[in-house]
Amino acid sequence: MRIVAAALVILLLSVSLVWAQKTPMEKAHALYFQGRMEEAIGIMKEEAGGKPDPQTYYFIGYAYYKMKKMDLAKEYFDKAYQLEPFYAPITPKEKK
């Protein structure tokens, strides 16, 4: 029984250490893929506040998009595009 308890403690500590070593953006991405969008957005906004980054803004926009908050999604997609035109919105091809 003690061996099982010790193994469980070691497992929990190792998981905690792995989580602690993640960067804030890695944590945000993990939360995003768990469906915890609001928490992910909070972390991403903190990161973006210190150093505006188009990739961060794009990811925030995409999280809002997944939450169907289109006005906020557009706001962050636009911020990403203003910093880096690579993040241009995709528009449908014109019909000939």
N, C-alpha and C. Protein backbone atom coordinates (compact mmCIF):
# COMPACT_ATOMS: atom_id res chain seq x y z
N MET A 1 0.83 -1.19 0.00
CA MET A 1 0.00 0.00 0.00
C MET A 1 0.87 1.26 0.00
N ARG A 2 1.96 1.23 0.77
CA ARG A 2 2.85 2.38 0.83
C ARG A 2 3.51 2.63 -0.52
N ILE A 3 3.81 1.57 -1.24
CA ILE A 3 4.44 1.72 -2.55
C ILE A 3 3.49 2.41 -3.51
N VAL A 4 2.24 2.04 -3.47
CA VAL A 4 1.25 2.68 -4.34
C VAL A 4 1.09 4.15 -3.98
N ALA A 5 1.03 4.44 -2.70
CA ALA A 5 0.90 5.83 -2.26
C ALA A 5 2.13 6.65 -2.65
N ALA A 6 3.31 6.07 -2.49
CA ALA A 6 4.54 6.77 -2.88
C ALA A 6 4.58 7.01 -4.38
N ALA A 7 4.16 6.01 -5.14
CA ALA A 7 4.15 6.16 -6.61
C ALA A 7 3.17 7.25 -7.02
N LEU A 8 2.03 7.30 -6.35
CA LEU A 8 1.04 8.33 -6.65
C LEU A 8 1.58 9.72 -6.34
N VAL A 9 2.26 9.88 -5.21
CA VAL A 9 2.86 11.17 -4.84
C VAL A 9 3.90 11.57 -5.87
N ILE A 10 4.75 10.64 -6.27
CA ILE A 10 5.78 10.94 -7.27
C ILE A 10 5.14 11.34 -8.59
N LEU A 11 4.12 10.63 -8.99
CA LEU A 11 3.41 10.96 -10.23
C LEU A 11 2.82 12.35 -10.17
N LEU A 12 2.16 12.68 -9.08
CA LEU A 12 1.55 14.00 -8.94
C LEU A 12 2.60 15.11 -8.93
N LEU A 13 3.71 14.88 -8.27
CA LEU A 13 4.79 15.87 -8.24
C LEU A 13 5.39 16.07 -9.63
N SER A 14 5.58 14.98 -10.36
CA SER A 14 6.17 15.11 -11.69
C SER A 14 5.22 15.85 -12.63
N VAL A 15 3.93 15.60 -12.53
CA VAL A 15 2.96 16.34 -13.35
C VAL A 15 2.99 17.81 -12.98
N SER A 16 3.07 18.12 -11.69
CA SER A 16 3.13 19.50 -11.24
C SER A 16 4.38 20.20 -11.76
N LEU A 17 5.50 19.50 -11.73
CA LEU A 17 6.75 20.09 -12.22
C LEU A 17 6.68 20.34 -13.72
N VAL A 18 6.09 19.43 -14.46
CA VAL A 18 5.95 19.63 -15.91
C VAL A 18 5.06 20.83 -16.17
N TRP A 19 3.96 20.95 -15.45
CA TRP A 19 3.04 22.09 -15.63
C TRP A 19 3.76 23.38 -15.28
N ALA A 20 4.56 23.38 -14.23
CA ALA A 20 5.25 24.58 -13.78
C ALA A 20 6.30 25.03 -14.80
N GLN A 21 6.83 24.12 -15.58
CA GLN A 21 7.87 24.47 -16.54
C GLN A 21 7.30 25.02 -17.84
N LYS A 22 6.02 24.96 -18.03
CA LYS A 22 5.43 25.47 -19.26
C LYS A 22 5.45 26.99 -19.27
N THR A 23 5.65 27.55 -20.44
CA THR A 23 5.56 29.00 -20.59
C THR A 23 4.09 29.40 -20.47
N PRO A 24 3.82 30.67 -20.22
CA PRO A 24 2.42 31.10 -20.16
C PRO A 24 1.64 30.77 -21.44
N MET A 25 2.29 30.92 -22.59
CA MET A 25 1.57 30.63 -23.83
C MET A 25 1.31 29.14 -23.98
N GLU A 26 2.21 28.30 -23.52
CA GLU A 26 1.96 26.86 -23.56
C GLU A 26 0.78 26.51 -22.66
N LYS A 27 0.71 27.16 -21.51
CA LYS A 27 -0.43 26.94 -20.62
C LYS A 27 -1.73 27.40 -21.30
N ALA A 28 -1.67 28.56 -21.95
CA ALA A 28 -2.85 29.09 -22.63
C ALA A 28 -3.30 28.15 -23.74
N HIS A 29 -2.36 27.63 -24.51
CA HIS A 29 -2.71 26.70 -25.58
C HIS A 29 -3.34 25.43 -25.01
N ALA A 30 -2.78 24.93 -23.91
CA ALA A 30 -3.34 23.73 -23.28
C ALA A 30 -4.77 23.99 -22.82
N LEU A 31 -5.00 25.13 -22.20
CA LEU A 31 -6.35 25.48 -21.75
C LEU A 31 -7.30 25.62 -22.94
N TYR A 32 -6.83 26.24 -24.01
CA TYR A 32 -7.63 26.41 -25.22
C TYR A 32 -8.10 25.05 -25.73
N PHE A 33 -7.18 24.10 -25.83
CA PHE A 33 -7.53 22.80 -26.38
C PHE A 33 -8.35 21.96 -25.41
N GLN A 34 -8.42 22.38 -24.14
CA GLN A 34 -9.30 21.74 -23.17
C GLN A 34 -10.69 22.39 -23.20
N GLY A 35 -10.85 23.42 -24.03
CA GLY A 35 -12.13 24.11 -24.12
C GLY A 35 -12.30 25.19 -23.07
N ARG A 36 -11.25 25.52 -22.35
CA ARG A 36 -11.31 26.54 -21.29
C ARG A 36 -10.86 27.88 -21.88
N MET A 37 -11.68 28.39 -22.80
CA MET A 37 -11.32 29.56 -23.60
C MET A 37 -11.08 30.82 -22.77
N GLU A 38 -11.98 31.09 -21.82
CA GLU A 38 -11.85 32.32 -21.02
C GLU A 38 -10.51 32.35 -20.28
N GLU A 39 -10.13 31.22 -19.69
CA GLU A 39 -8.85 31.15 -18.98
C GLU A 39 -7.68 31.33 -19.94
N ALA A 40 -7.78 30.70 -21.10
CA ALA A 40 -6.72 30.82 -22.10
C ALA A 40 -6.59 32.27 -22.57
N ILE A 41 -7.72 32.91 -22.82
CA ILE A 41 -7.71 34.31 -23.26
C ILE A 41 -7.08 35.20 -22.20
N GLY A 42 -7.40 34.96 -20.94
CA GLY A 42 -6.82 35.76 -19.85
C GLY A 42 -5.30 35.70 -19.85
N ILE A 43 -4.76 34.49 -19.99
CA ILE A 43 -3.30 34.33 -20.01
C ILE A 43 -2.72 35.01 -21.25
N MET A 44 -3.37 34.81 -22.39
CA MET A 44 -2.87 35.40 -23.64
C MET A 44 -2.89 36.93 -23.58
N LYS A 45 -3.93 37.49 -22.99
CA LYS A 45 -4.01 38.95 -22.89
C LYS A 45 -2.91 39.49 -21.98
N GLU A 46 -2.61 38.78 -20.91
CA GLU A 46 -1.49 39.20 -20.05
C GLU A 46 -0.19 39.22 -20.83
N GLU A 47 0.02 38.18 -21.62
CA GLU A 47 1.24 38.10 -22.43
C GLU A 47 1.27 39.21 -23.48
N ALA A 48 0.16 39.46 -24.11
CA ALA A 48 0.10 40.48 -25.16
C ALA A 48 0.27 41.88 -24.59
N GLY A 49 -0.14 42.07 -23.34
CA GLY A 49 -0.02 43.39 -22.72
C GLY A 49 1.42 43.82 -22.53
N GLY A 50 2.29 42.89 -22.26
CA GLY A 50 3.69 43.21 -22.04
C GLY A 50 4.47 43.42 -23.32
N LYS A 51 4.13 42.68 -24.32
CA LYS A 51 4.85 42.76 -25.59
C LYS A 51 3.89 42.35 -26.72
N PRO A 52 3.30 43.31 -27.38
CA PRO A 52 2.35 42.97 -28.45
C PRO A 52 2.97 42.01 -29.46
N ASP A 53 2.27 40.94 -29.72
CA ASP A 53 2.77 39.90 -30.61
C ASP A 53 1.62 39.48 -31.54
N PRO A 54 1.83 39.51 -32.84
CA PRO A 54 0.74 39.18 -33.76
C PRO A 54 0.21 37.76 -33.57
N GLN A 55 1.09 36.82 -33.27
CA GLN A 55 0.64 35.45 -33.08
C GLN A 55 -0.27 35.33 -31.87
N THR A 56 0.05 36.05 -30.81
CA THR A 56 -0.79 36.04 -29.61
C THR A 56 -2.14 36.67 -29.91
N TYR A 57 -2.14 37.82 -30.59
CA TYR A 57 -3.40 38.46 -30.94
C TYR A 57 -4.25 37.55 -31.83
N TYR A 58 -3.61 36.87 -32.78
CA TYR A 58 -4.34 35.97 -33.66
C TYR A 58 -4.98 34.85 -32.86
N PHE A 59 -4.23 34.29 -31.92
CA PHE A 59 -4.76 33.19 -31.12
C PHE A 59 -5.92 33.66 -30.25
N ILE A 60 -5.82 34.87 -29.70
CA ILE A 60 -6.94 35.43 -28.93
C ILE A 60 -8.15 35.57 -29.84
N GLY A 61 -7.92 36.10 -31.03
CA GLY A 61 -9.02 36.24 -31.99
C GLY A 61 -9.66 34.90 -32.31
N TYR A 62 -8.85 33.89 -32.49
CA TYR A 62 -9.39 32.57 -32.82
C TYR A 62 -10.18 31.99 -31.65
N ALA A 63 -9.72 32.23 -30.43
CA ALA A 63 -10.46 31.75 -29.26
C ALA A 63 -11.82 32.44 -29.19
N TYR A 64 -11.84 33.75 -29.43
CA TYR A 64 -13.13 34.46 -29.46
C TYR A 64 -14.02 33.95 -30.59
N TYR A 65 -13.41 33.65 -31.72
CA TYR A 65 -14.15 33.11 -32.86
C TYR A 65 -14.82 31.78 -32.47
N LYS A 66 -14.07 30.92 -31.80
CA LYS A 66 -14.62 29.63 -31.38
C LYS A 66 -15.76 29.80 -30.37
N MET A 67 -15.72 30.93 -29.62
CA MET A 67 -16.77 31.22 -28.65
C MET A 67 -17.94 31.97 -29.30
N LYS A 68 -17.82 32.20 -30.61
CA LYS A 68 -18.83 32.92 -31.40
C LYS A 68 -18.99 34.38 -30.96
N LYS A 69 -17.90 34.97 -30.49
CA LYS A 69 -17.88 36.40 -30.14
C LYS A 69 -17.16 37.11 -31.28
N MET A 70 -17.89 37.29 -32.37
CA MET A 70 -17.28 37.72 -33.63
C MET A 70 -16.69 39.13 -33.58
N ASP A 71 -17.32 40.05 -32.86
CA ASP A 71 -16.78 41.41 -32.79
C ASP A 71 -15.40 41.40 -32.11
N LEU A 72 -15.29 40.66 -31.02
CA LEU A 72 -14.00 40.57 -30.33
C LEU A 72 -12.98 39.81 -31.18
N ALA A 73 -13.44 38.77 -31.87
CA ALA A 73 -12.53 38.02 -32.75
C ALA A 73 -11.96 38.94 -33.82
N LYS A 74 -12.82 39.73 -34.44
CA LYS A 74 -12.37 40.64 -35.49
C LYS A 74 -11.38 41.66 -34.94
N GLU A 75 -11.64 42.17 -33.74
CA GLU A 75 -10.75 43.15 -33.13
C GLU A 75 -9.33 42.58 -32.99
N TYR A 76 -9.23 41.36 -32.53
CA TYR A 76 -7.91 40.77 -32.32
C TYR A 76 -7.27 40.29 -33.63
N PHE A 77 -8.08 39.83 -34.57
CA PHE A 77 -7.53 39.49 -35.88
C PHE A 77 -6.96 40.75 -36.53
N ASP A 78 -7.66 41.87 -36.40
CA ASP A 78 -7.17 43.14 -36.96
C ASP A 78 -5.86 43.57 -36.29
N LYS A 79 -5.77 43.41 -34.97
CA LYS A 79 -4.53 43.77 -34.27
C LYS A 79 -3.36 42.93 -34.79
N ALA A 80 -3.61 41.64 -34.99
CA ALA A 80 -2.56 40.76 -35.51
C ALA A 80 -2.12 41.22 -36.91
N TYR A 81 -3.10 41.53 -37.74
CA TYR A 81 -2.80 41.96 -39.11
C TYR A 81 -2.02 43.28 -39.13
N GLN A 82 -2.37 44.21 -38.24
CA GLN A 82 -1.67 45.50 -38.20
C GLN A 82 -0.20 45.33 -37.83
N LEU A 83 0.09 44.35 -36.99
CA LEU A 83 1.49 44.12 -36.61
C LEU A 83 2.24 43.28 -37.64
N GLU A 84 1.52 42.39 -38.31
CA GLU A 84 2.17 41.49 -39.27
C GLU A 84 1.17 41.11 -40.36
N PRO A 85 1.35 41.64 -41.57
CA PRO A 85 0.41 41.36 -42.66
C PRO A 85 0.25 39.87 -43.01
N PHE A 86 1.16 39.04 -42.53
CA PHE A 86 1.01 37.60 -42.72
C PHE A 86 -0.33 37.12 -42.20
N TYR A 87 -0.85 37.78 -41.18
CA TYR A 87 -2.11 37.39 -40.55
C TYR A 87 -3.31 38.04 -41.24
N ALA A 88 -3.21 38.28 -42.54
CA ALA A 88 -4.29 38.86 -43.30
C ALA A 88 -5.50 37.92 -43.28
N PRO A 89 -6.67 38.50 -43.21
CA PRO A 89 -7.87 37.64 -43.24
C PRO A 89 -8.01 36.98 -44.61
N ILE A 90 -8.52 35.80 -44.60
CA ILE A 90 -8.76 35.09 -45.86
C ILE A 90 -10.10 35.57 -46.41
N THR A 91 -10.08 35.97 -47.64
CA THR A 91 -11.32 36.41 -48.27
C THR A 91 -11.65 35.46 -49.42
N PRO A 92 -12.92 35.26 -49.69
CA PRO A 92 -13.29 34.36 -50.79
C PRO A 92 -12.75 34.91 -52.11
N LYS A 93 -12.36 34.01 -52.99
CA LYS A 93 -11.88 34.43 -54.31
C LYS A 93 -13.02 35.02 -55.09
N GLU A 94 -12.68 36.05 -55.83
CA GLU A 94 -13.71 36.68 -56.65
C GLU A 94 -14.08 35.77 -57.79
N LYS A 95 -15.38 35.75 -58.10
CA LYS A 95 -15.85 34.94 -59.22
C LYS A 95 -15.55 35.66 -60.52
N LYS A 96 -15.16 34.90 -61.52
CA LYS A 96 -14.84 35.50 -62.82
C LYS A 96 -16.01 35.40 -63.76
